[in-house]
């Protein structure tokens, strides 16, 4: 019973993720930046778009790479 409930929850999460990904608006203007972030192991286009939306493209506000981390 518990395994069935967990599987149904997983399927629900997958459907939700698919819905969110289909509604993401990725501006062609930022394709290059998204591709660069997407090149990091473990990061897909959805995560890359989120990161870009959160930090923007101006890296001058971060003194070092440790500051952005």
PDB file of N, CA and C in Angstrom:
ATOM      1  N   UNK A   1       0.814  -1.182   0.000  1.00  0.00           N
ATOM      2  CA  UNK A   1       0.000   0.000   0.000  1.00  0.00           C
ATOM      3  C   UNK A   1       0.872   1.266   0.000  1.00  0.00           C
ATOM      4  N   UNK A   2       1.890   1.281   0.874  1.00  0.00           N
ATOM      5  CA  UNK A   2       2.773   2.447   0.964  1.00  0.00           C
ATOM      6  C   UNK A   2       3.530   2.654  -0.346  1.00  0.00           C
ATOM      7  N   UNK A   3       4.009   1.567  -0.933  1.00  0.00           N
ATOM      8  CA  UNK A   3       4.749   1.656  -2.186  1.00  0.00           C
ATOM      9  C   UNK A   3       3.855   2.200  -3.298  1.00  0.00           C
ATOM     10  N   UNK A   4       2.617   1.760  -3.332  1.00  0.00           N
ATOM     11  CA  UNK A   4       1.667   2.261  -4.325  1.00  0.00           C
ATOM     12  C   UNK A   4       1.450   3.759  -4.141  1.00  0.00           C
ATOM     13  N   UNK A   5       1.310   4.205  -2.893  1.00  0.00           N
ATOM     14  CA  UNK A   5       1.113   5.618  -2.604  1.00  0.00           C
ATOM     15  C   UNK A   5       2.326   6.435  -3.041  1.00  0.00           C
ATOM     16  N   UNK A   6       3.525   5.936  -2.783  1.00  0.00           N
ATOM     17  CA  UNK A   6       4.742   6.633  -3.180  1.00  0.00           C
ATOM     18  C   UNK A   6       4.862   6.706  -4.706  1.00  0.00           C
ATOM     19  N   UNK A   7       4.519   5.627  -5.385  1.00  0.00           N
ATOM     20  CA  UNK A   7       4.573   5.610  -6.843  1.00  0.00           C
ATOM     21  C   UNK A   7       3.591   6.620  -7.431  1.00  0.00           C
ATOM     22  N   UNK A   8       2.390   6.692  -6.870  1.00  0.00           N
ATOM     23  CA  UNK A   8       1.396   7.662  -7.349  1.00  0.00           C
ATOM     24  C   UNK A   8       1.889   9.090  -7.106  1.00  0.00           C
ATOM     25  N   UNK A   9       2.530   9.311  -5.983  1.00  0.00           N
ATOM     26  CA  UNK A   9       3.085  10.631  -5.684  1.00  0.00           C
ATOM     27  C   UNK A   9       4.182  10.989  -6.696  1.00  0.00           C
ATOM     28  N   UNK A  10       5.044  10.039  -7.011  1.00  0.00           N
ATOM     29  CA  UNK A  10       6.101  10.249  -7.996  1.00  0.00           C
ATOM     30  C   UNK A  10       5.500  10.604  -9.351  1.00  0.00           C
ATOM     31  N   UNK A  11       4.496   9.891  -9.758  1.00  0.00           N
ATOM     32  CA  UNK A  11       3.844  10.169 -11.038  1.00  0.00           C
ATOM     33  C   UNK A  11       3.216  11.567 -11.031  1.00  0.00           C
ATOM     34  N   UNK A  12       2.639  11.950  -9.909  1.00  0.00           N
ATOM     35  CA  UNK A  12       2.053  13.284  -9.777  1.00  0.00           C
ATOM     36  C   UNK A  12       3.135  14.359  -9.902  1.00  0.00           C
ATOM     37  N   UNK A  13       4.276  14.140  -9.271  1.00  0.00           N
ATOM     38  CA  UNK A  13       5.381  15.090  -9.354  1.00  0.00           C
ATOM     39  C   UNK A  13       5.925  15.200 -10.775  1.00  0.00           C
ATOM     40  N   UNK A  14       6.015  14.076 -11.462  1.00  0.00           N
ATOM     41  CA  UNK A  14       6.477  14.091 -12.852  1.00  0.00           C
ATOM     42  C   UNK A  14       5.514  14.894 -13.735  1.00  0.00           C
ATOM     43  N   UNK A  15       4.229  14.710 -13.521  1.00  0.00           N
ATOM     44  CA  UNK A  15       3.235  15.449 -14.299  1.00  0.00           C
ATOM     45  C   UNK A  15       3.333  16.942 -14.003  1.00  0.00           C
ATOM     46  N   UNK A  16       3.530  17.283 -12.735  1.00  0.00           N
ATOM     47  CA  UNK A  16       3.665  18.684 -12.345  1.00  0.00           C
ATOM     48  C   UNK A  16       4.906  19.299 -12.989  1.00  0.00           C
ATOM     49  N   UNK A  17       6.030  18.586 -12.947  1.00  0.00           N
ATOM     50  CA  UNK A  17       7.266  19.072 -13.547  1.00  0.00           C
ATOM     51  C   UNK A  17       7.087  19.279 -15.048  1.00  0.00           C
ATOM     52  N   UNK A  18       6.443  18.337 -15.694  1.00  0.00           N
ATOM     53  CA  UNK A  18       6.201  18.457 -17.134  1.00  0.00           C
ATOM     54  C   UNK A  18       5.361  19.694 -17.436  1.00  0.00           C
ATOM     55  N   UNK A  19       4.370  19.949 -16.603  1.00  0.00           N
ATOM     56  CA  UNK A  19       3.516  21.123 -16.781  1.00  0.00           C
ATOM     57  C   UNK A  19       4.322  22.410 -16.605  1.00  0.00           C
ATOM     58  N   UNK A  20       5.147  22.469 -15.581  1.00  0.00           N
ATOM     59  CA  UNK A  20       5.969  23.654 -15.333  1.00  0.00           C
ATOM     60  C   UNK A  20       6.943  23.867 -16.493  1.00  0.00           C
ATOM     61  N   UNK A  21       7.616  22.799 -16.924  1.00  0.00           N
ATOM     62  CA  UNK A  21       8.576  22.920 -18.017  1.00  0.00           C
ATOM     63  C   UNK A  21       7.915  23.386 -19.300  1.00  0.00           C
ATOM     64  N   UNK A  22       6.702  22.951 -19.556  1.00  0.00           N
ATOM     65  CA  UNK A  22       6.023  23.351 -20.791  1.00  0.00           C
ATOM     66  C   UNK A  22       5.623  24.823 -20.754  1.00  0.00           C
ATOM     67  N   UNK A  23       5.523  25.396 -19.559  1.00  0.00           N
ATOM     68  CA  UNK A  23       5.130  26.800 -19.438  1.00  0.00           C
ATOM     69  C   UNK A  23       6.309  27.744 -19.292  1.00  0.00           C
ATOM     70  N   UNK A  24       7.511  27.188 -19.188  1.00  0.00           N
ATOM     71  CA  UNK A  24       8.691  28.037 -19.085  1.00  0.00           C
ATOM     72  C   UNK A  24       8.874  28.833 -20.364  1.00  0.00           C
ATOM     73  N   UNK A  25       9.100  30.098 -20.197  1.00  0.00           N
ATOM     74  CA  UNK A  25       9.390  30.941 -21.356  1.00  0.00           C
ATOM     75  C   UNK A  25      10.887  31.203 -21.334  1.00  0.00           C
ATOM     76  N   UNK A  26      11.574  30.622 -22.272  1.00  0.00           N
ATOM     77  CA  UNK A  26      13.013  30.828 -22.362  1.00  0.00           C
ATOM     78  C   UNK A  26      13.255  31.798 -23.510  1.00  0.00           C
ATOM     79  N   UNK A  27      13.742  32.957 -23.153  1.00  0.00           N
ATOM     80  CA  UNK A  27      13.965  33.984 -24.144  1.00  0.00           C
ATOM     81  C   UNK A  27      15.193  33.646 -24.983  1.00  0.00           C
ATOM     82  N   UNK A  28      15.063  33.674 -26.300  1.00  0.00           N
ATOM     83  CA  UNK A  28      16.202  33.378 -27.174  1.00  0.00           C
ATOM     84  C   UNK A  28      17.424  34.252 -26.859  1.00  0.00           C
ATOM     85  N   UNK A  29      17.164  35.433 -26.324  1.00  0.00           N
ATOM     86  CA  UNK A  29      18.243  36.349 -25.976  1.00  0.00           C
ATOM     87  C   UNK A  29      19.230  35.706 -25.001  1.00  0.00           C
ATOM     88  N   UNK A  30      18.757  34.767 -24.176  1.00  0.00           N
ATOM     89  CA  UNK A  30      19.588  34.150 -23.146  1.00  0.00           C
ATOM     90  C   UNK A  30      19.977  32.706 -23.450  1.00  0.00           C
ATOM     91  N   UNK A  31      19.791  32.278 -24.683  1.00  0.00           N
ATOM     92  CA  UNK A  31      20.126  30.901 -25.055  1.00  0.00           C
ATOM     93  C   UNK A  31      21.568  30.545 -24.724  1.00  0.00           C
ATOM     94  N   UNK A  32      22.489  31.439 -25.029  1.00  0.00           N
ATOM     95  CA  UNK A  32      23.908  31.152 -24.791  1.00  0.00           C
ATOM     96  C   UNK A  32      24.186  30.952 -23.302  1.00  0.00           C
ATOM     97  N   UNK A  33      23.652  31.839 -22.464  1.00  0.00           N
ATOM     98  CA  UNK A  33      23.871  31.736 -21.031  1.00  0.00           C
ATOM     99  C   UNK A  33      23.254  30.456 -20.464  1.00  0.00           C
ATOM    100  N   UNK A  34      22.067  30.123 -20.941  1.00  0.00           N
ATOM    101  CA  UNK A  34      21.397  28.902 -20.475  1.00  0.00           C
ATOM    102  C   UNK A  34      22.200  27.677 -20.888  1.00  0.00           C
ATOM    103  N   UNK A  35      22.733  27.669 -22.100  1.00  0.00           N
ATOM    104  CA  UNK A  35      23.554  26.549 -22.550  1.00  0.00           C
ATOM    105  C   UNK A  35      24.803  26.399 -21.691  1.00  0.00           C
ATOM    106  N   UNK A  36      25.423  27.527 -21.318  1.00  0.00           N
ATOM    107  CA  UNK A  36      26.616  27.464 -20.467  1.00  0.00           C
ATOM    108  C   UNK A  36      26.287  26.863 -19.103  1.00  0.00           C
ATOM    109  N   UNK A  37      25.205  27.335 -18.493  1.00  0.00           N
ATOM    110  CA  UNK A  37      24.809  26.815 -17.181  1.00  0.00           C
ATOM    111  C   UNK A  37      24.381  25.357 -17.292  1.00  0.00           C
ATOM    112  N   UNK A  38      23.680  25.027 -18.373  1.00  0.00           N
ATOM    113  CA  UNK A  38      23.222  23.656 -18.617  1.00  0.00           C
ATOM    114  C   UNK A  38      24.402  22.698 -18.772  1.00  0.00           C
ATOM    115  N   UNK A  39      25.559  23.215 -19.128  1.00  0.00           N
ATOM    116  CA  UNK A  39      26.750  22.381 -19.286  1.00  0.00           C
ATOM    117  C   UNK A  39      27.340  21.895 -17.970  1.00  0.00           C
ATOM    118  N   UNK A  40      26.872  22.456 -16.859  1.00  0.00           N
ATOM    119  CA  UNK A  40      27.346  22.014 -15.546  1.00  0.00           C
ATOM    120  C   UNK A  40      26.687  20.676 -15.224  1.00  0.00           C
ATOM    121  N   UNK A  41      27.476  19.655 -14.865  1.00  0.00           N
ATOM    122  CA  UNK A  41      26.878  18.347 -14.553  1.00  0.00           C
ATOM    123  C   UNK A  41      25.800  18.451 -13.478  1.00  0.00           C
ATOM    124  N   UNK A  42      24.658  17.833 -13.748  1.00  0.00           N
ATOM    125  CA  UNK A  42      23.557  17.814 -12.801  1.00  0.00           C
ATOM    126  C   UNK A  42      22.563  18.945 -12.974  1.00  0.00           C
ATOM    127  N   UNK A  43      22.823  19.842 -13.914  1.00  0.00           N
ATOM    128  CA  UNK A  43      21.917  20.966 -14.146  1.00  0.00           C
ATOM    129  C   UNK A  43      21.303  20.826 -15.532  1.00  0.00           C
ATOM    130  N   UNK A  44      19.965  20.854 -15.573  1.00  0.00           N
ATOM    131  CA  UNK A  44      19.276  20.784 -16.858  1.00  0.00           C
ATOM    132  C   UNK A  44      18.778  22.177 -17.245  1.00  0.00           C
ATOM    133  N   UNK A  45      18.069  22.251 -18.349  1.00  0.00           N
ATOM    134  CA  UNK A  45      17.611  23.555 -18.843  1.00  0.00           C
ATOM    135  C   UNK A  45      16.643  24.236 -17.865  1.00  0.00           C
ATOM    136  N   UNK A  46      15.824  23.448 -17.178  1.00  0.00           N
ATOM    137  CA  UNK A  46      14.896  24.025 -16.204  1.00  0.00           C
ATOM    138  C   UNK A  46      15.671  24.677 -15.070  1.00  0.00           C
ATOM    139  N   UNK A  47      16.643  23.962 -14.518  1.00  0.00           N
ATOM    140  CA  UNK A  47      17.453  24.518 -13.431  1.00  0.00           C
ATOM    141  C   UNK A  47      18.274  25.700 -13.935  1.00  0.00           C
ATOM    142  N   UNK A  48      18.811  25.586 -15.144  1.00  0.00           N
ATOM    143  CA  UNK A  48      19.605  26.680 -15.714  1.00  0.00           C
ATOM    144  C   UNK A  48      18.755  27.936 -15.869  1.00  0.00           C
ATOM    145  N   UNK A  49      17.535  27.786 -16.315  1.00  0.00           N
ATOM    146  CA  UNK A  49      16.632  28.930 -16.470  1.00  0.00           C
ATOM    147  C   UNK A  49      16.318  29.553 -15.111  1.00  0.00           C
ATOM    148  N   UNK A  50      16.121  28.722 -14.109  1.00  0.00           N
ATOM    149  CA  UNK A  50      15.833  29.205 -12.764  1.00  0.00           C
ATOM    150  C   UNK A  50      17.023  29.964 -12.192  1.00  0.00           C
ATOM    151  N   UNK A  51      18.203  29.402 -12.359  1.00  0.00           N
ATOM    152  CA  UNK A  51      19.417  30.058 -11.873  1.00  0.00           C
ATOM    153  C   UNK A  51      19.587  31.412 -12.549  1.00  0.00           C
ATOM    154  N   UNK A  52      19.423  31.430 -13.857  1.00  0.00           N
ATOM    155  CA  UNK A  52      19.558  32.674 -14.603  1.00  0.00           C
ATOM    156  C   UNK A  52      18.523  33.707 -14.144  1.00  0.00           C
ATOM    157  N   UNK A  53      17.304  33.266 -13.875  1.00  0.00           N
ATOM    158  CA  UNK A  53      16.258  34.174 -13.403  1.00  0.00           C
ATOM    159  C   UNK A  53      16.599  34.724 -12.018  1.00  0.00           C
ATOM    160  N   UNK A  54      17.248  33.921 -11.193  1.00  0.00           N
ATOM    161  CA  UNK A  54      17.569  34.350  -9.827  1.00  0.00           C
ATOM    162  C   UNK A  54      18.772  35.290  -9.770  1.00  0.00           C
ATOM    163  N   UNK A  55      19.832  34.962 -10.517  1.00  0.00           N
ATOM    164  CA  UNK A  55      21.068  35.752 -10.384  1.00  0.00           C
ATOM    165  C   UNK A  55      21.271  36.752 -11.502  1.00  0.00           C
ATOM    166  N   UNK A  56      20.565  36.574 -12.594  1.00  0.00           N
ATOM    167  CA  UNK A  56      20.730  37.482 -13.724  1.00  0.00           C
ATOM    168  C   UNK A  56      21.996  37.183 -14.505  1.00  0.00           C
ATOM    169  N   UNK A  57      22.382  38.105 -15.363  1.00  0.00           N
ATOM    170  CA  UNK A  57      23.566  37.892 -16.211  1.00  0.00           C
ATOM    171  C   UNK A  57      24.732  38.781 -15.822  1.00  0.00           C
ATOM    172  N   UNK A  58      24.515  39.696 -14.905  1.00  0.00           N
ATOM    173  CA  UNK A  58      25.584  40.595 -14.478  1.00  0.00           C
ATOM    174  C   UNK A  58      26.367  39.959 -13.334  1.00  0.00           C
ATOM    175  N   UNK A  59      27.519  39.420 -13.658  1.00  0.00           N
ATOM    176  CA  UNK A  59      28.332  38.735 -12.657  1.00  0.00           C
ATOM    177  C   UNK A  59      29.242  39.690 -11.885  1.00  0.00           C
ATOM    178  N   UNK A  60      29.238  40.968 -12.244  1.00  0.00           N
ATOM    179  CA  UNK A  60      30.126  41.921 -11.580  1.00  0.00           C
ATOM    180  C   UNK A  60      29.749  42.145 -10.113  1.00  0.00           C
ATOM    181  N   UNK A  61      28.518  41.796  -9.748  1.00  0.00           N
ATOM    182  CA  UNK A  61      28.110  41.977  -8.352  1.00  0.00           C
ATOM    183  C   UNK A  61      28.705  40.911  -7.431  1.00  0.00           C
ATOM    184  N   UNK A  62      29.324  39.894  -8.009  1.00  0.00           N
ATOM    185  CA  UNK A  62      29.985  38.847  -7.234  1.00  0.00           C
ATOM    186  C   UNK A  62      31.491  39.048  -7.324  1.00  0.00           C
ATOM    187  N   UNK A  63      32.128  39.272  -6.172  1.00  0.00           N
ATOM    188  CA  UNK A  63      33.558  39.548  -6.161  1.00  0.00           C
ATOM    189  C   UNK A  63      34.372  38.354  -6.643  1.00  0.00           C
ATOM    190  N   UNK A  64      33.974  37.159  -6.233  1.00  0.00           N
ATOM    191  CA  UNK A  64      34.685  35.940  -6.630  1.00  0.00           C
ATOM    192  C   UNK A  64      33.668  34.852  -6.928  1.00  0.00           C
ATOM    193  N   UNK A  65      34.149  33.731  -7.420  1.00  0.00           N
ATOM    194  CA  UNK A  65      33.253  32.599  -7.672  1.00  0.00           C
ATOM    195  C   UNK A  65      32.681  32.065  -6.361  1.00  0.00           C
ATOM    196  N   UNK A  66      33.426  32.213  -5.269  1.00  0.00           N
ATOM    197  CA  UNK A  66      32.912  31.747  -3.967  1.00  0.00           C
ATOM    198  C   UNK A  66      31.722  32.584  -3.520  1.00  0.00           C
ATOM    199  N   UNK A  67      31.694  33.837  -3.892  1.00  0.00           N
ATOM    200  CA  UNK A  67      30.576  34.694  -3.504  1.00  0.00           C
ATOM    201  C   UNK A  67      29.272  34.245  -4.181  1.00  0.00           C
ATOM    202  N   UNK A  68      29.361  33.818  -5.399  1.00  0.00           N
ATOM    203  CA  UNK A  68      28.145  33.371  -6.090  1.00  0.00           C
ATOM    204  C   UNK A  68      27.684  32.013  -5.560  1.00  0.00           C
ATOM    205  N   UNK A  69      28.635  31.200  -5.145  1.00  0.00           N
ATOM    206  CA  UNK A  69      28.270  29.893  -4.585  1.00  0.00           C
ATOM    207  C   UNK A  69      27.575  30.065  -3.258  1.00  0.00           C
TER     208      UNK A  69
END
